[in-house]
C-alpha atoms as a PDB file:
ATOM      1  CA  UNK A   1      -0.075   0.031  -0.021  1.00  0.00           C
ATOM      2  CA  UNK A   2       1.518   3.346  -1.141  1.00  0.00           C
ATOM      3  CA  UNK A   3       0.484   6.127   1.396  1.00  0.00           C
ATOM      4  CA  UNK A   4       1.824   8.628   3.910  1.00  0.00           C
ATOM      5  CA  UNK A   5       0.453   7.675   7.239  1.00  0.00           C
ATOM      6  CA  UNK A   6       0.406   9.555  10.597  1.00  0.00           C
ATOM      7  CA  UNK A   7       0.455   7.201  13.570  1.00  0.00           C
ATOM      8  CA  UNK A   8      -0.440   9.041  16.822  1.00  0.00           C
ATOM      9  CA  UNK A   9      -1.954   6.280  19.117  1.00  0.00           C
ATOM     10  CA  UNK A  10       1.741   6.264  21.063  1.00  0.00           C
ATOM     11  CA  UNK A  11       2.909   3.257  23.268  1.00  0.00           C
ATOM     12  CA  UNK A  12       4.519   3.595  26.471  1.00  0.00           C
ATOM     13  CA  UNK A  13       8.232   3.482  26.261  1.00  0.00           C
ATOM     14  CA  UNK A  14       7.871   3.404  22.480  1.00  0.00           C
ATOM     15  CA  UNK A  15       6.239   6.744  21.236  1.00  0.00           C
ATOM     16  CA  UNK A  16       3.943   9.793  22.344  1.00  0.00           C
ATOM     17  CA  UNK A  17       0.498  10.184  21.289  1.00  0.00           C
ATOM     18  CA  UNK A  18      -0.007  12.982  18.635  1.00  0.00           C
ATOM     19  CA  UNK A  19      -2.342  14.159  15.810  1.00  0.00           C
ATOM     20  CA  UNK A  20      -2.188  16.245  12.822  1.00  0.00           C
ATOM     21  CA  UNK A  21      -3.849  18.981  14.862  1.00  0.00           C
ATOM     22  CA  UNK A  22      -1.087  18.758  17.766  1.00  0.00           C
ATOM     23  CA  UNK A  23       1.834  18.613  15.072  1.00  0.00           C
ATOM     24  CA  UNK A  24       0.434  21.258  12.987  1.00  0.00           C
ATOM     25  CA  UNK A  25       0.338  23.607  15.979  1.00  0.00           C
ATOM     26  CA  UNK A  26       3.878  22.971  16.952  1.00  0.00           C
ATOM     27  CA  UNK A  27       6.600  25.210  15.284  1.00  0.00           C
ATOM     28  CA  UNK A  28       9.178  22.480  15.872  1.00  0.00           C
ATOM     29  CA  UNK A  29       7.282  19.953  13.526  1.00  0.00           C
ATOM     30  CA  UNK A  30       6.285  22.410  10.894  1.00  0.00           C
ATOM     31  CA  UNK A  31      10.027  22.682   9.954  1.00  0.00           C
ATOM     32  CA  UNK A  32      10.069  18.834   9.607  1.00  0.00           C
ATOM     33  CA  UNK A  33       6.801  17.903   8.237  1.00  0.00           C
ATOM     34  CA  UNK A  34       4.666  20.870   7.135  1.00  0.00           C
ATOM     35  CA  UNK A  35       1.540  18.840   7.501  1.00  0.00           C
ATOM     36  CA  UNK A  36      -0.309  21.289   5.671  1.00  0.00           C
ATOM     37  CA  UNK A  37       0.980  19.840   2.493  1.00  0.00           C
ATOM     38  CA  UNK A  38      -0.451  16.644   3.342  1.00  0.00           C
ATOM     39  CA  UNK A  39      -3.994  17.658   4.248  1.00  0.00           C
ATOM     40  CA  UNK A  40      -6.531  16.852   4.595  1.00  0.00           C
ATOM     41  CA  UNK A  41      -6.098  13.855   6.671  1.00  0.00           C
ATOM     42  CA  UNK A  42      -8.553  11.023   6.957  1.00  0.00           C
ATOM     43  CA  UNK A  43      -8.979   8.522   9.944  1.00  0.00           C
ATOM     44  CA  UNK A  44      -7.420   5.275   8.983  1.00  0.00           C
ATOM     45  CA  UNK A  45      -6.468   1.933  10.735  1.00  0.00           C
ATOM     46  CA  UNK A  46      -3.123   0.408  10.032  1.00  0.00           C
ATOM     47  CA  UNK A  47      -2.747  -1.143  13.525  1.00  0.00           C
ATOM     48  CA  UNK A  48      -5.691  -2.925  15.069  1.00  0.00           C
ATOM     49  CA  UNK A  49      -5.706  -0.891  18.413  1.00  0.00           C
ATOM     50  CA  UNK A  50      -9.301  -0.893  19.162  1.00  0.00           C
ATOM     51  CA  UNK A  51     -11.472   2.371  19.950  1.00  0.00           C
ATOM     52  CA  UNK A  52      -8.319   4.196  21.069  1.00  0.00           C
ATOM     53  CA  UNK A  53      -6.491   4.082  17.767  1.00  0.00           C
ATOM     54  CA  UNK A  54      -5.166   7.444  16.601  1.00  0.00           C
ATOM     55  CA  UNK A  55      -4.014   6.934  13.054  1.00  0.00           C
ATOM     56  CA  UNK A  56      -4.621   8.868   9.809  1.00  0.00           C
ATOM     57  CA  UNK A  57      -3.768   8.788   6.139  1.00  0.00           C
ATOM     58  CA  UNK A  58      -2.844  11.648   3.948  1.00  0.00           C
ATOM     59  CA  UNK A  59      -4.782  12.641   1.150  1.00  0.00           C
ATOM     60  CA  UNK A  60      -1.532  13.552  -0.789  1.00  0.00           C
ATOM     61  CA  UNK A  61      -1.153  10.953  -3.835  1.00  0.00           C
ATOM     62  CA  UNK A  62       1.589   8.542  -3.021  1.00  0.00           C
ATOM     63  CA  UNK A  63       2.093   6.343  -6.101  1.00  0.00           C
ATOM     64  CA  UNK A  64       5.497   7.614  -6.581  1.00  0.00           C
ATOM     65  CA  UNK A  65       6.943   6.256  -3.150  1.00  0.00           C
ATOM     66  CA  UNK A  66       6.608   3.360  -0.777  1.00  0.00           C
ATOM     67  CA  UNK A  67       4.422   3.663   2.449  1.00  0.00           C
ATOM     68  CA  UNK A  68       5.625   6.050   4.967  1.00  0.00           C
ATOM     69  CA  UNK A  69       4.696   6.336   8.671  1.00  0.00           C
ATOM     70  CA  UNK A  70       5.130   9.589  10.339  1.00  0.00           C
ATOM     71  CA  UNK A  71       5.099   9.812  14.125  1.00  0.00           C
ATOM     72  CA  UNK A  72       5.818  12.425  16.796  1.00  0.00           C
ATOM     73  CA  UNK A  73       8.567  11.908  19.444  1.00  0.00           C
ATOM     74  CA  UNK A  74       9.670   8.134  19.911  1.00  0.00           C
ATOM     75  CA  UNK A  75      12.386   6.226  21.534  1.00  0.00           C
ATOM     76  CA  UNK A  76      13.975   5.495  18.229  1.00  0.00           C
ATOM     77  CA  UNK A  77      12.613   5.228  14.641  1.00  0.00           C
ATOM     78  CA  UNK A  78      14.394   1.638  14.564  1.00  0.00           C
ATOM     79  CA  UNK A  79      12.427   0.543  17.521  1.00  0.00           C
ATOM     80  CA  UNK A  80       9.169   1.754  16.142  1.00  0.00           C
ATOM     81  CA  UNK A  81      10.004   0.103  12.705  1.00  0.00           C
ATOM     82  CA  UNK A  82      10.545  -3.227  14.234  1.00  0.00           C
ATOM     83  CA  UNK A  83       7.215  -2.741  16.338  1.00  0.00           C
ATOM     84  CA  UNK A  84       5.436  -2.053  12.938  1.00  0.00           C
ATOM     85  CA  UNK A  85       7.215  -5.032  11.229  1.00  0.00           C
ATOM     86  CA  UNK A  86       6.163  -7.499  14.018  1.00  0.00           C
ATOM     87  CA  UNK A  87       2.621  -6.344  13.595  1.00  0.00           C
ATOM     88  CA  UNK A  88       3.008  -7.013   9.597  1.00  0.00           C
ATOM     89  CA  UNK A  89       2.350  -3.427   8.312  1.00  0.00           C
ATOM     90  CA  UNK A  90       5.988  -2.381   7.392  1.00  0.00           C
ATOM     91  CA  UNK A  91       6.510  -3.678   3.876  1.00  0.00           C
ATOM     92  CA  UNK A  92       9.813  -3.948   2.011  1.00  0.00           C
ATOM     93  CA  UNK A  93      10.873  -0.015   1.307  1.00  0.00           C
ATOM     94  CA  UNK A  94       8.283   1.116   3.673  1.00  0.00           C
ATOM     95  CA  UNK A  95       9.856   3.461   6.294  1.00  0.00           C
ATOM     96  CA  UNK A  96       9.185   5.279   9.568  1.00  0.00           C
ATOM     97  CA  UNK A  97      10.043   9.135  10.102  1.00  0.00           C
ATOM     98  CA  UNK A  98       9.600  10.605  13.504  1.00  0.00           C
ATOM     99  CA  UNK A  99       9.679  14.200  14.635  1.00  0.00           C
ATOM    100  CA  UNK A 100      12.321  13.274  17.117  1.00  0.00           C
ATOM    101  CA  UNK A 101      13.769  10.452  19.335  1.00  0.00           C
ATOM    102  CA  UNK A 102      14.512  10.277  23.171  1.00  0.00           C
ATOM    103  CA  UNK A 103      16.742   7.165  22.714  1.00  0.00           C
ATOM    104  CA  UNK A 104      18.302   7.316  19.208  1.00  0.00           C
ATOM    105  CA  UNK A 105      21.163   5.015  18.909  1.00  0.00           C
ATOM    106  CA  UNK A 106      24.125   4.902  16.441  1.00  0.00           C
ATOM    107  CA  UNK A 107      26.804   2.103  15.949  1.00  0.00           C
ATOM    108  CA  UNK A 108      27.542   0.077  19.105  1.00  0.00           C
ATOM    109  CA  UNK A 109      24.678   1.415  21.000  1.00  0.00           C
ATOM    110  CA  UNK A 110      26.258   5.000  21.080  1.00  0.00           C
ATOM    111  CA  UNK A 111      23.705   7.693  21.697  1.00  0.00           C
ATOM    112  CA  UNK A 112      22.399   9.599  18.907  1.00  0.00           C
ATOM    113  CA  UNK A 113      21.169  13.033  19.885  1.00  0.00           C
ATOM    114  CA  UNK A 114      17.970  13.541  18.027  1.00  0.00           C
ATOM    115  CA  UNK A 115      16.227  17.178  18.289  1.00  0.00           C
ATOM    116  CA  UNK A 116      13.465  18.034  15.976  1.00  0.00           C
ATOM    117  CA  UNK A 117      14.572  19.167  12.444  1.00  0.00           C
ATOM    118  CA  UNK A 118      16.916  16.101  11.272  1.00  0.00           C
ATOM    119  CA  UNK A 119      16.144  13.058   9.519  1.00  0.00           C
ATOM    120  CA  UNK A 120      15.926   9.972  11.806  1.00  0.00           C
ATOM    121  CA  UNK A 121      14.386   7.486   9.656  1.00  0.00           C
ATOM    122  CA  UNK A 122      14.182   3.591   9.581  1.00  0.00           C
ATOM    123  CA  UNK A 123      13.903   2.000   6.190  1.00  0.00           C
ATOM    124  CA  UNK A 124      13.048  -1.632   5.568  1.00  0.00           C
ATOM    125  CA  UNK A 125      15.202  -3.037   2.853  1.00  0.00           C
ATOM    126  CA  UNK A 126      14.903  -6.226   0.682  1.00  0.00           C
ATOM    127  CA  UNK A 127      16.864  -9.258   1.550  1.00  0.00           C
ATOM    128  CA  UNK A 128      19.806  -8.836  -0.937  1.00  0.00           C
ATOM    129  CA  UNK A 129      21.589 -11.695  -3.005  1.00  0.00           C
ATOM    130  CA  UNK A 130      24.390 -13.420  -1.153  1.00  0.00           C
ATOM    131  CA  UNK A 131      27.322 -11.589  -2.815  1.00  0.00           C
ATOM    132  CA  UNK A 132      25.664  -8.195  -1.355  1.00  0.00           C
ATOM    133  CA  UNK A 133      25.157  -9.454   2.036  1.00  0.00           C
ATOM    134  CA  UNK A 134      28.438  -7.921   3.545  1.00  0.00           C
ATOM    135  CA  UNK A 135      27.971  -4.592   1.803  1.00  0.00           C
ATOM    136  CA  UNK A 136      24.541  -3.434   2.991  1.00  0.00           C
ATOM    137  CA  UNK A 137      25.798  -0.259   4.756  1.00  0.00           C
ATOM    138  CA  UNK A 138      28.071   0.598   1.749  1.00  0.00           C
ATOM    139  CA  UNK A 139      25.014   0.196  -0.720  1.00  0.00           C
ATOM    140  CA  UNK A 140      22.671   2.333   1.445  1.00  0.00           C
ATOM    141  CA  UNK A 141      25.533   4.907   1.763  1.00  0.00           C
ATOM    142  CA  UNK A 142      25.740   5.056  -1.982  1.00  0.00           C
ATOM    143  CA  UNK A 143      22.080   5.291  -2.198  1.00  0.00           C
ATOM    144  CA  UNK A 144      22.109   8.232   0.151  1.00  0.00           C
ATOM    145  CA  UNK A 145      25.050   9.848  -1.635  1.00  0.00           C
ATOM    146  CA  UNK A 146      23.229   9.752  -5.036  1.00  0.00           C
ATOM    147  CA  UNK A 147      19.891  10.942  -3.524  1.00  0.00           C
ATOM    148  CA  UNK A 148      21.627  13.937  -1.943  1.00  0.00           C
ATOM    149  CA  UNK A 149      23.610  14.657  -5.247  1.00  0.00           C
ATOM    150  CA  UNK A 150      20.319  14.860  -6.938  1.00  0.00           C
ATOM    151  CA  UNK A 151      19.426  17.767  -4.493  1.00  0.00           C
ATOM    152  CA  UNK A 152      22.676  19.421  -5.151  1.00  0.00           C
ATOM    153  CA  UNK A 153      24.464  18.119  -2.275  1.00  0.00           C
ATOM    154  CA  UNK A 154      27.828  16.411  -2.423  1.00  0.00           C
ATOM    155  CA  UNK A 155      28.606  14.047   0.438  1.00  0.00           C
ATOM    156  CA  UNK A 156      31.213  11.361   0.996  1.00  0.00           C
ATOM    157  CA  UNK A 157      31.080   8.012   2.764  1.00  0.00           C
ATOM    158  CA  UNK A 158      33.497   7.290   5.607  1.00  0.00           C
ATOM    159  CA  UNK A 159      33.934   3.518   5.513  1.00  0.00           C
ATOM    160  CA  UNK A 160      31.871   1.898   6.376  1.00  0.00           C
ATOM    161  CA  UNK A 161      28.837   3.705   7.577  1.00  0.00           C
ATOM    162  CA  UNK A 162      29.400   7.703   8.194  1.00  0.00           C
ATOM    163  CA  UNK A 163      28.231  10.446   5.843  1.00  0.00           C
ATOM    164  CA  UNK A 164      30.747  13.347   5.575  1.00  0.00           C
ATOM    165  CA  UNK A 165      30.829  16.727   4.102  1.00  0.00           C
ATOM    166  CA  UNK A 166      33.775  18.796   4.383  1.00  0.00           C
ATOM    167  CA  UNK A 167      35.641  16.283   6.541  1.00  0.00           C
ATOM    168  CA  UNK A 168      32.878  16.641   9.158  1.00  0.00           C
ATOM    169  CA  UNK A 169      30.217  13.989  10.122  1.00  0.00           C
ATOM    170  CA  UNK A 170      26.697  14.876   8.843  1.00  0.00           C
ATOM    171  CA  UNK A 171      25.030  11.715   9.086  1.00  0.00           C
ATOM    172  CA  UNK A 172      25.341   7.814   9.614  1.00  0.00           C
ATOM    173  CA  UNK A 173      23.813   4.414   8.779  1.00  0.00           C
ATOM    174  CA  UNK A 174      22.913   1.367  10.987  1.00  0.00           C
ATOM    175  CA  UNK A 175      21.834  -1.895   9.698  1.00  0.00           C
ATOM    176  CA  UNK A 176      19.890  -3.911  12.037  1.00  0.00           C
ATOM    177  CA  UNK A 177      18.786  -7.677  10.867  1.00  0.00           C
ATOM    178  CA  UNK A 178      16.373  -9.878  12.652  1.00  0.00           C
ATOM    179  CA  UNK A 179      14.688 -13.062  11.648  1.00  0.00           C
ATOM    180  CA  UNK A 180      14.168 -12.621   7.895  1.00  0.00           C
ATOM    181  CA  UNK A 181      13.912  -8.705   7.816  1.00  0.00           C
ATOM    182  CA  UNK A 182      16.409  -6.104   7.471  1.00  0.00           C
ATOM    183  CA  UNK A 183      16.082  -2.385   8.763  1.00  0.00           C
ATOM    184  CA  UNK A 184      18.456   0.400   8.110  1.00  0.00           C
ATOM    185  CA  UNK A 185      18.566   3.327  10.406  1.00  0.00           C
ATOM    186  CA  UNK A 186      19.430   6.566   8.620  1.00  0.00           C
ATOM    187  CA  UNK A 187      20.230   9.674  10.599  1.00  0.00           C
ATOM    188  CA  UNK A 188      21.156  12.847   8.672  1.00  0.00           C
ATOM    189  CA  UNK A 189      21.717  16.415  10.347  1.00  0.00           C
ATOM    190  CA  UNK A 190      19.680  18.529   8.467  1.00  0.00           C
ATOM    191  CA  UNK A 191      19.344  21.631  10.411  1.00  0.00           C
ATOM    192  CA  UNK A 192      21.261  21.084  13.452  1.00  0.00           C
ATOM    193  CA  UNK A 193      24.278  19.027  14.821  1.00  0.00           C
ATOM    194  CA  UNK A 194      25.458  18.131  18.452  1.00  0.00           C
ATOM    195  CA  UNK A 195      28.614  19.763  19.722  1.00  0.00           C
ATOM    196  CA  UNK A 196      31.867  18.067  19.533  1.00  0.00           C
ATOM    197  CA  UNK A 197      31.961  17.835  23.452  1.00  0.00           C
ATOM    198  CA  UNK A 198      28.684  15.924  23.457  1.00  0.00           C
ATOM    199  CA  UNK A 199      30.174  12.942  21.597  1.00  0.00           C
ATOM    200  CA  UNK A 200      31.391   9.875  23.345  1.00  0.00           C
ATOM    201  CA  UNK A 201      34.070   9.132  21.023  1.00  0.00           C
ATOM    202  CA  UNK A 202      37.102  11.442  21.478  1.00  0.00           C
ATOM    203  CA  UNK A 203      38.429  10.693  17.764  1.00  0.00           C
ATOM    204  CA  UNK A 204      35.047  11.241  16.336  1.00  0.00           C
ATOM    205  CA  UNK A 205      34.782  13.668  13.307  1.00  0.00           C
ATOM    206  CA  UNK A 206      33.470  17.091  14.353  1.00  0.00           C
ATOM    207  CA  UNK A 207      29.697  17.190  13.567  1.00  0.00           C
ATOM    208  CA  UNK A 208      27.882  19.565  10.974  1.00  0.00           C
ATOM    209  CA  UNK A 209      24.496  19.933   9.359  1.00  0.00           C
ATOM    210  CA  UNK A 210      23.577  20.171   5.632  1.00  0.00           C
ATOM    211  CA  UNK A 211      22.057  23.905   6.674  1.00  0.00           C
ATOM    212  CA  UNK A 212      25.397  24.790   8.217  1.00  0.00           C
ATOM    213  CA  UNK A 213      27.586  23.173   5.608  1.00  0.00           C
ATOM    214  CA  UNK A 214      25.653  23.980   2.393  1.00  0.00           C
ATOM    215  CA  UNK A 215      22.772  26.291   3.538  1.00  0.00           C
ATOM    216  CA  UNK A 216      20.159  23.478   2.837  1.00  0.00           C
ATOM    217  CA  UNK A 217      16.722  24.464   3.743  1.00  0.00           C
ATOM    218  CA  UNK A 218      14.842  21.281   2.798  1.00  0.00           C
ATOM    219  CA  UNK A 219      12.327  19.920   5.171  1.00  0.00           C
ATOM    220  CA  UNK A 220      12.901  16.389   6.585  1.00  0.00           C
ATOM    221  CA  UNK A 221       9.863  14.907   5.062  1.00  0.00           C
ATOM    222  CA  UNK A 222      10.550  16.012   1.498  1.00  0.00           C
ATOM    223  CA  UNK A 223      14.099  15.251   1.612  1.00  0.00           C
ATOM    224  CA  UNK A 224      13.440  11.749   2.828  1.00  0.00           C
ATOM    225  CA  UNK A 225      10.923  11.189   0.194  1.00  0.00           C
ATOM    226  CA  UNK A 226      13.575  11.870  -2.360  1.00  0.00           C
ATOM    227  CA  UNK A 227      16.148   9.754  -0.849  1.00  0.00           C
ATOM    228  CA  UNK A 228      13.560   6.893  -0.887  1.00  0.00           C
ATOM    229  CA  UNK A 229      12.679   7.196  -4.351  1.00  0.00           C
ATOM    230  CA  UNK A 230      16.122   7.648  -5.815  1.00  0.00           C
ATOM    231  CA  UNK A 231      17.695   4.881  -3.445  1.00  0.00           C
ATOM    232  CA  UNK A 232      15.287   2.243  -4.234  1.00  0.00           C
ATOM    233  CA  UNK A 233      15.718   2.965  -8.225  1.00  0.00           C
ATOM    234  CA  UNK A 234      19.626   2.771  -7.755  1.00  0.00           C
ATOM    235  CA  UNK A 235      19.395  -0.388  -5.490  1.00  0.00           C
ATOM    236  CA  UNK A 236      17.267  -2.231  -8.274  1.00  0.00           C
ATOM    237  CA  UNK A 237      19.768  -1.026 -10.890  1.00  0.00           C
ATOM    238  CA  UNK A 238      22.743  -2.155  -8.944  1.00  0.00           C
ATOM    239  CA  UNK A 239      21.354  -5.455  -7.946  1.00  0.00           C
ATOM    240  CA  UNK A 240      19.903  -6.318 -11.283  1.00  0.00           C
ATOM    241  CA  UNK A 241      22.408  -5.057 -13.686  1.00  0.00           C
ATOM    242  CA  UNK A 242      25.734  -4.542 -11.740  1.00  0.00           C
ATOM    243  CA  UNK A 243      28.430  -6.764  -9.648  1.00  0.00           C
ATOM    244  CA  UNK A 244      30.164  -6.140  -6.319  1.00  0.00           C
ATOM    245  CA  UNK A 245      33.262  -5.519  -8.415  1.00  0.00           C
ATOM    246  CA  UNK A 246      31.545  -2.593 -10.557  1.00  0.00           C
ATOM    247  CA  UNK A 247      29.769  -1.133  -7.403  1.00  0.00           C
ATOM    248  CA  UNK A 248      32.993  -1.089  -5.617  1.00  0.00           C
ATOM    249  CA  UNK A 249      34.545   0.694  -8.406  1.00  0.00           C
ATOM    250  CA  UNK A 250      31.735   3.267  -8.555  1.00  0.00           C
ATOM    251  CA  UNK A 251      31.632   3.876  -4.925  1.00  0.00           C
ATOM    252  CA  UNK A 252      35.251   4.396  -4.301  1.00  0.00           C
ATOM    253  CA  UNK A 253      35.494   7.918  -5.779  1.00  0.00           C
ATOM    254  CA  UNK A 254      33.048   8.942  -3.218  1.00  0.00           C
ATOM    255  CA  UNK A 255      34.998   7.571  -0.069  1.00  0.00           C
ATOM    256  CA  UNK A 256      36.408   9.978   2.233  1.00  0.00           C
ATOM    257  CA  UNK A 257      40.102   9.855   3.299  1.00  0.00           C
ATOM    258  CA  UNK A 258      41.079   7.463   0.617  1.00  0.00           C
ATOM    259  CA  UNK A 259      44.861   7.609  -0.045  1.00  0.00           C
ATOM    260  CA  UNK A 260      45.468   9.173   3.285  1.00  0.00           C
ATOM    261  CA  UNK A 261      47.031   7.982   6.587  1.00  0.00           C
ATOM    262  CA  UNK A 262      44.257   7.220   8.964  1.00  0.00           C
ATOM    263  CA  UNK A 263      43.882   5.697  12.392  1.00  0.00           C
ATOM    264  CA  UNK A 264      42.518   2.225  12.404  1.00  0.00           C
ATOM    265  CA  UNK A 265      40.453   0.599  15.062  1.00  0.00           C
ATOM    266  CA  UNK A 266      39.577  -2.801  13.579  1.00  0.00           C
ATOM    267  CA  UNK A 267      38.282  -4.015  17.088  1.00  0.00           C
ATOM    268  CA  UNK A 268      40.783  -6.978  16.954  1.00  0.00           C
ATOM    269  CA  UNK A 269      43.708  -5.290  18.096  1.00  0.00           C
ATOM    270  CA  UNK A 270      44.390  -4.146  21.830  1.00  0.00           C
ATOM    271  CA  UNK A 271      45.130  -0.575  20.581  1.00  0.00           C
ATOM    272  CA  UNK A 272      44.728   1.721  17.572  1.00  0.00           C
ATOM    273  CA  UNK A 273      47.308   1.882  14.729  1.00  0.00           C
ATOM    274  CA  UNK A 274      48.059   3.918  11.967  1.00  0.00           C
ATOM    275  CA  UNK A 275      47.801   2.870   8.118  1.00  0.00           C
ATOM    276  CA  UNK A 276      47.166   4.231   4.636  1.00  0.00           C
ATOM    277  CA  UNK A 277      43.700   3.727   3.281  1.00  0.00           C
ATOM    278  CA  UNK A 278      43.827   2.724  -0.158  1.00  0.00           C
ATOM    279  CA  UNK A 279      40.541   1.340  -1.448  1.00  0.00           C
ATOM    280  CA  UNK A 280      37.925  -1.303  -0.925  1.00  0.00           C
ATOM    281  CA  UNK A 281      38.059  -5.176  -1.469  1.00  0.00           C
ATOM    282  CA  UNK A 282      35.470  -6.034  -4.219  1.00  0.00           C
ATOM    283  CA  UNK A 283      34.507  -9.262  -2.881  1.00  0.00           C
ATOM    284  CA  UNK A 284      33.467  -8.240   0.596  1.00  0.00           C
ATOM    285  CA  UNK A 285      33.478  -4.435   0.763  1.00  0.00           C
ATOM    286  CA  UNK A 286      36.306  -4.608   3.409  1.00  0.00           C
ATOM    287  CA  UNK A 287      38.695  -1.729   3.713  1.00  0.00           C
ATOM    288  CA  UNK A 288      42.100  -2.094   2.084  1.00  0.00           C
ATOM    289  CA  UNK A 289      44.924  -0.460   4.022  1.00  0.00           C
ATOM    290  CA  UNK A 290      48.581  -0.543   3.806  1.00  0.00           C
ATOM    291  CA  UNK A 291      50.594  -1.149   7.009  1.00  0.00           C
ATOM    292  CA  UNK A 292      54.435  -1.065   6.957  1.00  0.00           C
ATOM    293  CA  UNK A 293      54.526  -1.673   3.278  1.00  0.00           C
ATOM    294  CA  UNK A 294      51.911  -4.690   3.404  1.00  0.00           C
ATOM    295  CA  UNK A 295      48.373  -4.620   2.165  1.00  0.00           C
ATOM    296  CA  UNK A 296      45.609  -5.964   4.613  1.00  0.00           C
ATOM    297  CA  UNK A 297      41.779  -6.068   4.580  1.00  0.00           C
ATOM    298  CA  UNK A 298      39.753  -5.068   7.577  1.00  0.00           C
ATOM    299  CA  UNK A 299      36.123  -5.968   7.563  1.00  0.00           C
ATOM    300  CA  UNK A 300      34.869  -4.400  10.654  1.00  0.00           C
ATOM    301  CA  UNK A 301      35.919  -1.359  12.597  1.00  0.00           C
ATOM    302  CA  UNK A 302      36.297   2.283  12.138  1.00  0.00           C
ATOM    303  CA  UNK A 303      38.683   4.845  10.520  1.00  0.00           C
ATOM    304  CA  UNK A 304      39.717   8.334  11.669  1.00  0.00           C
ATOM    305  CA  UNK A 305      41.529  10.904   9.780  1.00  0.00           C
ATOM    306  CA  UNK A 306      44.870  11.610  11.138  1.00  0.00           C
ATOM    307  CA  UNK A 307      45.136  15.308  12.395  1.00  0.00           C
ATOM    308  CA  UNK A 308      48.315  17.148  12.022  1.00  0.00           C
ATOM    309  CA  UNK A 309      51.196  16.283  14.481  1.00  0.00           C
ATOM    310  CA  UNK A 310      49.209  12.972  15.351  1.00  0.00           C
ATOM    311  CA  UNK A 311      51.427   9.781  15.208  1.00  0.00           C
ATOM    312  CA  UNK A 312      50.287   6.300  15.864  1.00  0.00           C
ATOM    313  CA  UNK A 313      52.522   2.913  16.013  1.00  0.00           C
ATOM    314  CA  UNK A 314      51.770   1.038  12.890  1.00  0.00           C
ATOM    315  CA  UNK A 315      50.602  -2.491  13.545  1.00  0.00           C
ATOM    316  CA  UNK A 316      53.565  -4.850  13.295  1.00  0.00           C
END
């Protein structure tokens, strides 16, 4: 079913109650959704919640994009997406877009600060063919890069899942898989970003937003719909017509910090070490690095750019 829904029933520990009227009166939400463009709203039931159900469907034609569920403040879009999936109402390519999150999460459970005005989406993906299974975060990153490019915004992907602009972090991707479903969390700092001292990773890139870096004034809903439309088309094109080798060749020019000395945390070593980032492995999507004159592939971990004056021991 292709439509834009507003789920306002709320659920303790998961989401707050809301309605089109409540969100339309909020100056915070109008910067995200602009519900007047989606009016009128009609009562509709996507979840069997009984007489207390608070759900609406927009009159806006939605043939051009998969189903989208808008919500108010929630614990996290991923939590809510899994809830809807378990109820059987989040189809492949369907997504959830909340106003804000009180318990947004990034990689390894790190807190993702989530005030209104940014994109905090959860997007259900199809189960990819076997050769692509290890490249999902790279695939989603490439889909987002191309979607933003269509809006005149150039970003890069810091392996394996961070979106970077001007050597600063503007977003991130988190892939979660349970049973037979895959859901991608996509966070993009659209109108605001946290302060560097609010981050719990001392080596993390300084944050920025698309508004601060490029003067972007797009609303989260409009930009997310664009990203979904373009991303879905690109995914199908890559899977149907491409190969992992060709995809890696197309992605590499969009990678951040390629050809540079970087700090490596591959989670298998007791300490961080320094290496040169030289590309991607075309079979696994792992990062190719050169350490002490030898090439190596790391399949999980993080990289950080080497700041002026910094030096880390090379891994011997």
